Each structure stands twice: as structure tokens, then as C-alpha cells.
Amino acid sequence: MMRQLSLAIALAVTAAVAMPAIAQDAAAPAAAATESPQAIVTTISDDLAKAIEGHQAELKSDKEKLIAVIDDVFLPHFDIDYASILVLGQNASKASPEQRERFAKAFYNSITHRYAEGLLNYTRGRVKVLPFSGDLNNKRTVVRTQVMLDDGKSVSVDYAFRKSKTGDWKAYDVIIEGISYITNYRNQVDAEIKKEGLDQLTADLEQKGSAAIDEMQQQGGGAKK
């Protein structure tokens, strides 16, 4: 199923563990500060459709351009620094800033290359943003959506947001059918760090790319494909 949910995966993980927060804030549009979490999800869906529709063949033959589309659409709306710390879990406090940044970049590149091509199947209307209920919580506000799969079935996909230090809303996690993607990868990353250490895991991600993610999931019994 996870391979069919490339949109949801990209929305969460490829952007959630990408690069230092300074770079993210610099890229954020000025209007983002006034957008609600629900509006942000709608904006991402619309911008993705504009970038993908009519350009599938071009993007399929140029993966770096496809990844650039992901960066442009998703990065301004994600709390990258916070999500990276969540993925590392308790290991984050033991790692130096340099180790955290190196891991985040390696993990981001691996995830992006693994799932990017799935976004080529995205078309306008795939994501239905459900009406928001409850009060906005600065620490955790959830936007609920339904994602339409190729077979016509829909899957519940929720996005967790928090207010950043700059006062705008940033997503940091996705929950697919009740399963948090951040938690899922944190369990796998923790197991790998205990086995071989953070530096070696990062090196594996840098050298093997998406293959290292596949190995990690197979050994840890992670997300279904």
C-alpha cells in the first residue's frame, strides 16, 4: 500500500527531514504566515497539480527536476528541524548538530529518490481536505484528508501541524490509516543506530540511497509497500 501512497509519503517524509530550518524559513512565502493548516494542505495539493499535470513525460525522464518540484512545493510548509529530531528520537540528544544535519540530508535524499516517481500519477482532485473541527492548538493541530488511490478506494491521511518560532504553521508528520510515518521510521532508525551507530547508518544512506531505506524496512518490519 505504501507504494500507492507516494503522495502522502512525499508530503510527510521527503519534506520533513530535508535540510536545516534556516534554509526552509528563507524559502517560505510571505503569505504562509497567514494560512491556516487546512489552507496549507489545499495549497500544496493545488501547487502539486500545477507542477505535475502536463509535464509527466518531462519529469519522468529528469528525476532531478522532479525532486526540485517536490522541494519547491513542500519544503516551505514543513518544520524540517523538528521533524528530523522526531525521527532520531532519543538519539537526537546524543548527536552533535553536525551529525543531525548530515543524517537529515542523507535520509531526505534516500526517501525522495525512493518515492518521487510515484508523484507522477498525481492529478487534481486526488486529495479531499475534510472540514476542520475543534480549536487550533499551537503544539499539534491535525488536518484530515482522504487520498484517492488508483483503484478508486480512498485512504485516510492526517497531517499534524505545529506553530513554528516564526509564527506560521508547519507540518511535521503524516498519519496514514492511523500509522504515524515519523513514528514508523523512528523505530527503524533507532534499531539501526543501536546496531551500527548513527554515523554508519548515515553513511549507508549516503552510499546506498533508497536501497538503504528498503533494507531498513525489511529488517525492521516497517511500512508495508
C-alpha atoms as a PDB file:
ATOM      1  CA  MET A   1       0.000   0.000   0.000  1.00  0.00           C
ATOM      2  CA  MET A   2       2.777   2.468   0.801  1.00  0.00           C
ATOM      3  CA  ARG A   3       3.963   2.491  -2.799  1.00  0.00           C
ATOM      4  CA  GLN A   4       0.438   3.531  -3.823  1.00  0.00           C
ATOM      5  CA  LEU A   5       0.528   6.342  -1.253  1.00  0.00           C
ATOM      6  CA  SER A   6       3.508   8.175  -2.704  1.00  0.00           C
ATOM      7  CA  LEU A   7       1.700  11.491  -2.440  1.00  0.00           C
ATOM      8  CA  ALA A   8       1.107  11.150   1.281  1.00  0.00           C
ATOM      9  CA  ILE A   9       4.632   9.869   1.869  1.00  0.00           C
ATOM     10  CA  ALA A  10       6.157  12.754  -0.055  1.00  0.00           C
ATOM     11  CA  LEU A  11       4.017  15.278   1.792  1.00  0.00           C
ATOM     12  CA  ALA A  12       5.341  13.998   5.091  1.00  0.00           C
ATOM     13  CA  VAL A  13       8.746  12.475   4.941  1.00  0.00           C
ATOM     14  CA  THR A  14      10.543  13.842   1.913  1.00  0.00           C
ATOM     15  CA  ALA A  15       9.992  17.327   3.218  1.00  0.00           C
ATOM     16  CA  ALA A  16      10.070  16.559   6.899  1.00  0.00           C
ATOM     17  CA  VAL A  17      13.714  15.535   7.093  1.00  0.00           C
ATOM     18  CA  ALA A  18      15.342  17.617   4.428  1.00  0.00           C
ATOM     19  CA  MET A  19      17.675  20.427   5.495  1.00  0.00           C
ATOM     20  CA  PRO A  20      18.343  22.969   8.269  1.00  0.00           C
ATOM     21  CA  ALA A  21      15.398  25.119   9.318  1.00  0.00           C
ATOM     22  CA  ILE A  22      17.207  28.303   8.264  1.00  0.00           C
ATOM     23  CA  ALA A  23      17.081  27.258   4.627  1.00  0.00           C
ATOM     24  CA  GLN A  24      13.438  26.309   5.000  1.00  0.00           C
ATOM     25  CA  ASP A  25      12.426  29.661   6.512  1.00  0.00           C
ATOM     26  CA  ALA A  26      14.232  31.570   3.781  1.00  0.00           C
ATOM     27  CA  ALA A  27      12.225  29.733   1.137  1.00  0.00           C
ATOM     28  CA  ALA A  28       8.849  30.206   2.831  1.00  0.00           C
ATOM     29  CA  PRO A  29       6.433  32.521   1.031  1.00  0.00           C
ATOM     30  CA  ALA A  30       5.381  35.619   2.924  1.00  0.00           C
ATOM     31  CA  ALA A  31       1.731  34.608   2.705  1.00  0.00           C
ATOM     32  CA  ALA A  32       2.363  31.364   4.594  1.00  0.00           C
ATOM     33  CA  ALA A  33       2.207  33.125   7.948  1.00  0.00           C
ATOM     34  CA  THR A  34      -1.484  33.903   7.431  1.00  0.00           C
ATOM     35  CA  GLU A  35      -2.508  30.494   6.089  1.00  0.00           C
ATOM     36  CA  SER A  36      -4.307  28.011   8.315  1.00  0.00           C
ATOM     37  CA  PRO A  37      -3.139  24.363   8.386  1.00  0.00           C
ATOM     38  CA  GLN A  38      -6.151  23.367   6.294  1.00  0.00           C
ATOM     39  CA  ALA A  39      -5.397  26.069   3.724  1.00  0.00           C
ATOM     40  CA  ILE A  40      -1.779  24.933   3.530  1.00  0.00           C
ATOM     41  CA  VAL A  41      -2.761  21.362   2.639  1.00  0.00           C
ATOM     42  CA  THR A  42      -5.092  22.712  -0.048  1.00  0.00           C
ATOM     43  CA  THR A  43      -2.332  24.969  -1.383  1.00  0.00           C
ATOM     44  CA  ILE A  44       0.135  22.079  -1.561  1.00  0.00           C
ATOM     45  CA  SER A  45      -2.397  19.928  -3.423  1.00  0.00           C
ATOM     46  CA  ASP A  46      -3.134  22.686  -5.943  1.00  0.00           C
ATOM     47  CA  ASP A  47       0.523  23.625  -6.466  1.00  0.00           C
ATOM     48  CA  LEU A  48       1.476  19.996  -6.969  1.00  0.00           C
ATOM     49  CA  ALA A  49      -1.213  19.561  -9.627  1.00  0.00           C
ATOM     50  CA  LYS A  50       0.015  22.665 -11.469  1.00  0.00           C
ATOM     51  CA  ALA A  51       3.603  21.405 -11.409  1.00  0.00           C
ATOM     52  CA  ILE A  52       2.847  17.818 -12.444  1.00  0.00           C
ATOM     53  CA  GLU A  53      -0.078  17.913 -14.882  1.00  0.00           C
ATOM     54  CA  GLY A  54       1.103  18.078 -18.482  1.00  0.00           C
ATOM     55  CA  HIS A  55       4.744  17.562 -17.502  1.00  0.00           C
ATOM     56  CA  GLN A  56       4.757  13.852 -16.581  1.00  0.00           C
ATOM     57  CA  ALA A  57       6.927  12.738 -19.508  1.00  0.00           C
ATOM     58  CA  GLU A  58       9.479  15.505 -18.944  1.00  0.00           C
ATOM     59  CA  LEU A  59       9.687  14.871 -15.200  1.00  0.00           C
ATOM     60  CA  LYS A  60       9.901  11.098 -15.640  1.00  0.00           C
ATOM     61  CA  SER A  61      12.986  11.498 -17.819  1.00  0.00           C
ATOM     62  CA  ASP A  62      14.578  14.068 -15.495  1.00  0.00           C
ATOM     63  CA  LYS A  63      14.409  12.850 -11.888  1.00  0.00           C
ATOM     64  CA  GLU A  64      16.407  15.790 -10.536  1.00  0.00           C
ATOM     65  CA  LYS A  65      13.810  18.172 -11.953  1.00  0.00           C
ATOM     66  CA  LEU A  66      11.073  16.074 -10.331  1.00  0.00           C
ATOM     67  CA  ILE A  67      12.843  16.283  -6.979  1.00  0.00           C
ATOM     68  CA  ALA A  68      13.171  20.049  -7.466  1.00  0.00           C
ATOM     69  CA  VAL A  69       9.377  20.178  -7.868  1.00  0.00           C
ATOM     70  CA  ILE A  70       8.997  18.363  -4.546  1.00  0.00           C
ATOM     71  CA  ASP A  71      11.350  20.822  -2.881  1.00  0.00           C
ATOM     72  CA  ASP A  72       9.560  23.862  -4.287  1.00  0.00           C
ATOM     73  CA  VAL A  73       6.061  22.649  -3.369  1.00  0.00           C
ATOM     74  CA  PHE A  74       6.632  21.018   0.011  1.00  0.00           C
ATOM     75  CA  LEU A  75       9.645  22.480   1.789  1.00  0.00           C
ATOM     76  CA  PRO A  76       8.233  25.924   2.621  1.00  0.00           C
ATOM     77  CA  HIS A  77       5.422  24.316   4.601  1.00  0.00           C
ATOM     78  CA  PHE A  78       7.284  21.818   6.802  1.00  0.00           C
ATOM     79  CA  ASP A  79       9.030  22.127  10.157  1.00  0.00           C
ATOM     80  CA  ILE A  80      12.125  20.307   8.989  1.00  0.00           C
ATOM     81  CA  ASP A  81      14.236  20.770  12.090  1.00  0.00           C
ATOM     82  CA  TYR A  82      11.533  19.492  14.446  1.00  0.00           C
ATOM     83  CA  ALA A  83      10.639  16.509  12.261  1.00  0.00           C
ATOM     84  CA  SER A  84      14.302  15.497  11.988  1.00  0.00           C
ATOM     85  CA  ILE A  85      14.586  15.433  15.762  1.00  0.00           C
ATOM     86  CA  LEU A  86      11.424  13.314  15.979  1.00  0.00           C
ATOM     87  CA  VAL A  87      12.824  10.765  13.529  1.00  0.00           C
ATOM     88  CA  LEU A  88      16.012  10.422  15.575  1.00  0.00           C
ATOM     89  CA  GLY A  89      14.066  10.234  18.840  1.00  0.00           C
ATOM     90  CA  GLN A  90      16.271   9.854  21.920  1.00  0.00           C
ATOM     91  CA  ASN A  91      19.292   9.591  19.650  1.00  0.00           C
ATOM     92  CA  ALA A  92      18.927  13.271  18.738  1.00  0.00           C
ATOM     93  CA  SER A  93      20.117  14.419  22.168  1.00  0.00           C
ATOM     94  CA  LYS A  94      23.236  12.276  21.839  1.00  0.00           C
ATOM     95  CA  ALA A  95      24.122  13.533  18.367  1.00  0.00           C
ATOM     96  CA  SER A  96      26.041  16.681  17.544  1.00  0.00           C
ATOM     97  CA  PRO A  97      24.409  19.374  15.362  1.00  0.00           C
ATOM     98  CA  GLU A  98      26.682  18.268  12.530  1.00  0.00           C
ATOM     99  CA  GLN A  99      25.591  14.633  12.877  1.00  0.00           C
ATOM    100  CA  ARG A 100      21.909  15.608  12.921  1.00  0.00           C
ATOM    101  CA  GLU A 101      22.268  17.766   9.839  1.00  0.00           C
ATOM    102  CA  ARG A 102      24.209  15.094   7.940  1.00  0.00           C
ATOM    103  CA  PHE A 103      21.651  12.430   8.854  1.00  0.00           C
ATOM    104  CA  ALA A 104      18.723  14.657   7.869  1.00  0.00           C
ATOM    105  CA  LYS A 105      20.158  15.344   4.419  1.00  0.00           C
ATOM    106  CA  ALA A 106      21.033  11.686   3.790  1.00  0.00           C
ATOM    107  CA  PHE A 107      17.635  10.462   4.951  1.00  0.00           C
ATOM    108  CA  TYR A 108      15.836  13.099   2.904  1.00  0.00           C
ATOM    109  CA  ASN A 109      17.697  12.197  -0.278  1.00  0.00           C
ATOM    110  CA  SER A 110      17.004   8.493   0.229  1.00  0.00           C
ATOM    111  CA  ILE A 111      13.287   8.981   0.840  1.00  0.00           C
ATOM    112  CA  THR A 112      12.871  11.449  -2.013  1.00  0.00           C
ATOM    113  CA  HIS A 113      14.516   9.213  -4.591  1.00  0.00           C
ATOM    114  CA  ARG A 114      12.541   6.210  -3.367  1.00  0.00           C
ATOM    115  CA  TYR A 115       9.090   7.760  -3.714  1.00  0.00           C
ATOM    116  CA  ALA A 116       9.413  10.733  -6.079  1.00  0.00           C
ATOM    117  CA  GLU A 117       8.322   8.918  -9.226  1.00  0.00           C
ATOM    118  CA  GLY A 118       5.023   7.964  -7.602  1.00  0.00           C
ATOM    119  CA  LEU A 119       4.034  11.625  -7.672  1.00  0.00           C
ATOM    120  CA  LEU A 120       3.810  11.468 -11.469  1.00  0.00           C
ATOM    121  CA  ASN A 121       0.457   9.726 -11.026  1.00  0.00           C
ATOM    122  CA  TYR A 122      -0.918  12.645  -9.054  1.00  0.00           C
ATOM    123  CA  THR A 123      -3.776  14.581 -10.614  1.00  0.00           C
ATOM    124  CA  ARG A 124      -6.021  17.364  -9.378  1.00  0.00           C
ATOM    125  CA  GLY A 125      -8.724  16.120  -7.030  1.00  0.00           C
ATOM    126  CA  ARG A 126      -6.753  13.203  -5.597  1.00  0.00           C
ATOM    127  CA  VAL A 127      -6.785  14.822  -2.164  1.00  0.00           C
ATOM    128  CA  LYS A 128     -10.026  15.807  -0.445  1.00  0.00           C
ATOM    129  CA  VAL A 129      -9.442  18.075   2.539  1.00  0.00           C
ATOM    130  CA  LEU A 130     -12.104  17.371   5.161  1.00  0.00           C
ATOM    131  CA  PRO A 131     -13.822  20.141   7.179  1.00  0.00           C
ATOM    132  CA  PHE A 132     -11.803  21.180  10.219  1.00  0.00           C
ATOM    133  CA  SER A 133     -13.352  20.726  13.663  1.00  0.00           C
ATOM    134  CA  GLY A 134     -12.082  21.835  17.052  1.00  0.00           C
ATOM    135  CA  ASP A 135      -9.726  24.604  18.088  1.00  0.00           C
ATOM    136  CA  LEU A 136      -6.290  25.365  16.671  1.00  0.00           C
ATOM    137  CA  ASN A 137      -3.583  24.097  19.009  1.00  0.00           C
ATOM    138  CA  ASN A 138      -0.165  25.684  18.569  1.00  0.00           C
ATOM    139  CA  LYS A 139       1.614  22.456  19.530  1.00  0.00           C
ATOM    140  CA  ARG A 140      -0.454  19.986  17.499  1.00  0.00           C
ATOM    141  CA  THR A 141      -3.309  20.590  15.084  1.00  0.00           C
ATOM    142  CA  VAL A 142      -4.430  17.825  12.734  1.00  0.00           C
ATOM    143  CA  VAL A 143      -5.795  18.302   9.214  1.00  0.00           C
ATOM    144  CA  ARG A 144      -7.719  15.285   7.961  1.00  0.00           C
ATOM    145  CA  THR A 145      -7.881  14.306   4.301  1.00  0.00           C
ATOM    146  CA  GLN A 146      -8.929  11.461   2.044  1.00  0.00           C
ATOM    147  CA  VAL A 147      -6.488  10.394  -0.689  1.00  0.00           C
ATOM    148  CA  MET A 148      -7.900   8.620  -3.739  1.00  0.00           C
ATOM    149  CA  LEU A 149      -5.856   5.619  -4.908  1.00  0.00           C
ATOM    150  CA  ASP A 150      -5.543   4.268  -8.448  1.00  0.00           C
ATOM    151  CA  ASP A 151      -8.146   1.565  -7.766  1.00  0.00           C
ATOM    152  CA  GLY A 152     -10.763   4.114  -6.712  1.00  0.00           C
ATOM    153  CA  LYS A 153     -10.513   3.398  -2.998  1.00  0.00           C
ATOM    154  CA  SER A 154      -9.802   6.201  -0.541  1.00  0.00           C
ATOM    155  CA  VAL A 155      -7.392   6.206   2.380  1.00  0.00           C
ATOM    156  CA  SER A 156      -7.444   8.406   5.472  1.00  0.00           C
ATOM    157  CA  VAL A 157      -4.376  10.638   5.643  1.00  0.00           C
ATOM    158  CA  ASP A 158      -3.960  13.106   8.510  1.00  0.00           C
ATOM    159  CA  TYR A 159      -1.316  15.831   8.717  1.00  0.00           C
ATOM    160  CA  ALA A 160      -0.001  17.093  12.044  1.00  0.00           C
ATOM    161  CA  PHE A 161       0.905  20.797  12.238  1.00  0.00           C
ATOM    162  CA  ARG A 162       2.513  23.000  14.865  1.00  0.00           C
ATOM    163  CA  LYS A 163       3.279  26.703  15.011  1.00  0.00           C
ATOM    164  CA  SER A 164       6.906  27.487  14.256  1.00  0.00           C
ATOM    165  CA  LYS A 165       9.064  30.031  16.056  1.00  0.00           C
ATOM    166  CA  THR A 166       8.290  32.486  13.254  1.00  0.00           C
ATOM    167  CA  GLY A 167       4.561  32.206  13.967  1.00  0.00           C
ATOM    168  CA  ASP A 168       3.478  30.342  10.842  1.00  0.00           C
ATOM    169  CA  TRP A 169       2.050  26.839  10.656  1.00  0.00           C
ATOM    170  CA  LYS A 170       4.365  23.980   9.652  1.00  0.00           C
ATOM    171  CA  ALA A 171       3.529  20.328   9.081  1.00  0.00           C
ATOM    172  CA  TYR A 172       5.791  17.763  10.703  1.00  0.00           C
ATOM    173  CA  ASP A 173       4.083  14.368  10.481  1.00  0.00           C
ATOM    174  CA  VAL A 174       1.579  12.360   8.469  1.00  0.00           C
ATOM    175  CA  ILE A 175      -0.678   9.636   9.833  1.00  0.00           C
ATOM    176  CA  ILE A 176      -1.805   7.102   7.228  1.00  0.00           C
ATOM    177  CA  GLU A 177      -4.698   4.916   8.356  1.00  0.00           C
ATOM    178  CA  GLY A 178      -3.702   5.600  11.971  1.00  0.00           C
ATOM    179  CA  ILE A 179       0.025   4.930  11.456  1.00  0.00           C
ATOM    180  CA  SER A 180       2.409   7.844  12.060  1.00  0.00           C
ATOM    181  CA  TYR A 181       5.121   7.895   9.425  1.00  0.00           C
ATOM    182  CA  ILE A 182       7.509   9.695  11.757  1.00  0.00           C
ATOM    183  CA  THR A 183       6.999   7.059  14.466  1.00  0.00           C
ATOM    184  CA  ASN A 184       7.337   4.258  11.939  1.00  0.00           C
ATOM    185  CA  TYR A 185      10.706   5.494  10.704  1.00  0.00           C
ATOM    186  CA  ARG A 186      11.869   6.434  14.202  1.00  0.00           C
ATOM    187  CA  ASN A 187      11.513   2.820  15.302  1.00  0.00           C
ATOM    188  CA  GLN A 188      13.505   1.618  12.313  1.00  0.00           C
ATOM    189  CA  VAL A 189      16.190   4.298  12.683  1.00  0.00           C
ATOM    190  CA  ASP A 190      16.549   3.555  16.405  1.00  0.00           C
ATOM    191  CA  ALA A 191      17.092  -0.150  15.686  1.00  0.00           C
ATOM    192  CA  GLU A 192      19.740   0.626  13.067  1.00  0.00           C
ATOM    193  CA  ILE A 193      21.554   3.098  15.322  1.00  0.00           C
ATOM    194  CA  LYS A 194      21.686   0.519  18.137  1.00  0.00           C
ATOM    195  CA  LYS A 195      23.119  -1.996  15.700  1.00  0.00           C
ATOM    196  CA  GLU A 196      25.699   0.081  13.848  1.00  0.00           C
ATOM    197  CA  GLY A 197      25.703   3.646  15.205  1.00  0.00           C
ATOM    198  CA  LEU A 198      24.417   6.909  13.751  1.00  0.00           C
ATOM    199  CA  ASP A 199      27.477   7.679  11.656  1.00  0.00           C
ATOM    200  CA  GLN A 200      27.418   4.292   9.950  1.00  0.00           C
ATOM    201  CA  LEU A 201      23.672   4.494   9.322  1.00  0.00           C
ATOM    202  CA  THR A 202      24.135   7.930   7.772  1.00  0.00           C
ATOM    203  CA  ALA A 203      26.991   6.641   5.617  1.00  0.00           C
ATOM    204  CA  ASP A 204      24.797   3.753   4.450  1.00  0.00           C
ATOM    205  CA  LEU A 205      22.056   6.196   3.478  1.00  0.00           C
ATOM    206  CA  GLU A 206      24.547   8.378   1.613  1.00  0.00           C
ATOM    207  CA  GLN A 207      26.087   5.450  -0.266  1.00  0.00           C
ATOM    208  CA  LYS A 208      23.082   3.205  -0.894  1.00  0.00           C
ATOM    209  CA  GLY A 209      20.362   5.813  -1.080  1.00  0.00           C
ATOM    210  CA  SER A 210      16.868   4.389  -1.381  1.00  0.00           C
ATOM    211  CA  ALA A 211      18.260   0.824  -1.183  1.00  0.00           C
ATOM    212  CA  ALA A 212      19.272   1.527   2.415  1.00  0.00           C
ATOM    213  CA  ILE A 213      15.684   2.545   3.221  1.00  0.00           C
ATOM    214  CA  ASP A 214      14.409  -0.704   1.717  1.00  0.00           C
ATOM    215  CA  GLU A 215      16.894  -2.733   3.751  1.00  0.00           C
ATOM    216  CA  MET A 216      15.982  -0.883   6.917  1.00  0.00           C
ATOM    217  CA  GLN A 217      12.271  -1.556   6.408  1.00  0.00           C
ATOM    218  CA  GLN A 218      12.815  -5.231   5.601  1.00  0.00           C
ATOM    219  CA  GLN A 219      14.968  -5.800   8.680  1.00  0.00           C
ATOM    220  CA  GLY A 220      12.711  -3.771  10.958  1.00  0.00           C
ATOM    221  CA  GLY A 221       9.379  -4.964   9.606  1.00  0.00           C
ATOM    222  CA  GLY A 222       8.412  -1.385   8.809  1.00  0.00           C
ATOM    223  CA  ALA A 223       5.879   0.185   6.498  1.00  0.00           C
ATOM    224  CA  LYS A 224       4.168  -2.084   4.025  1.00  0.00           C
ATOM    225  CA  LYS A 225       4.934  -1.448   0.392  1.00  0.00           C
END
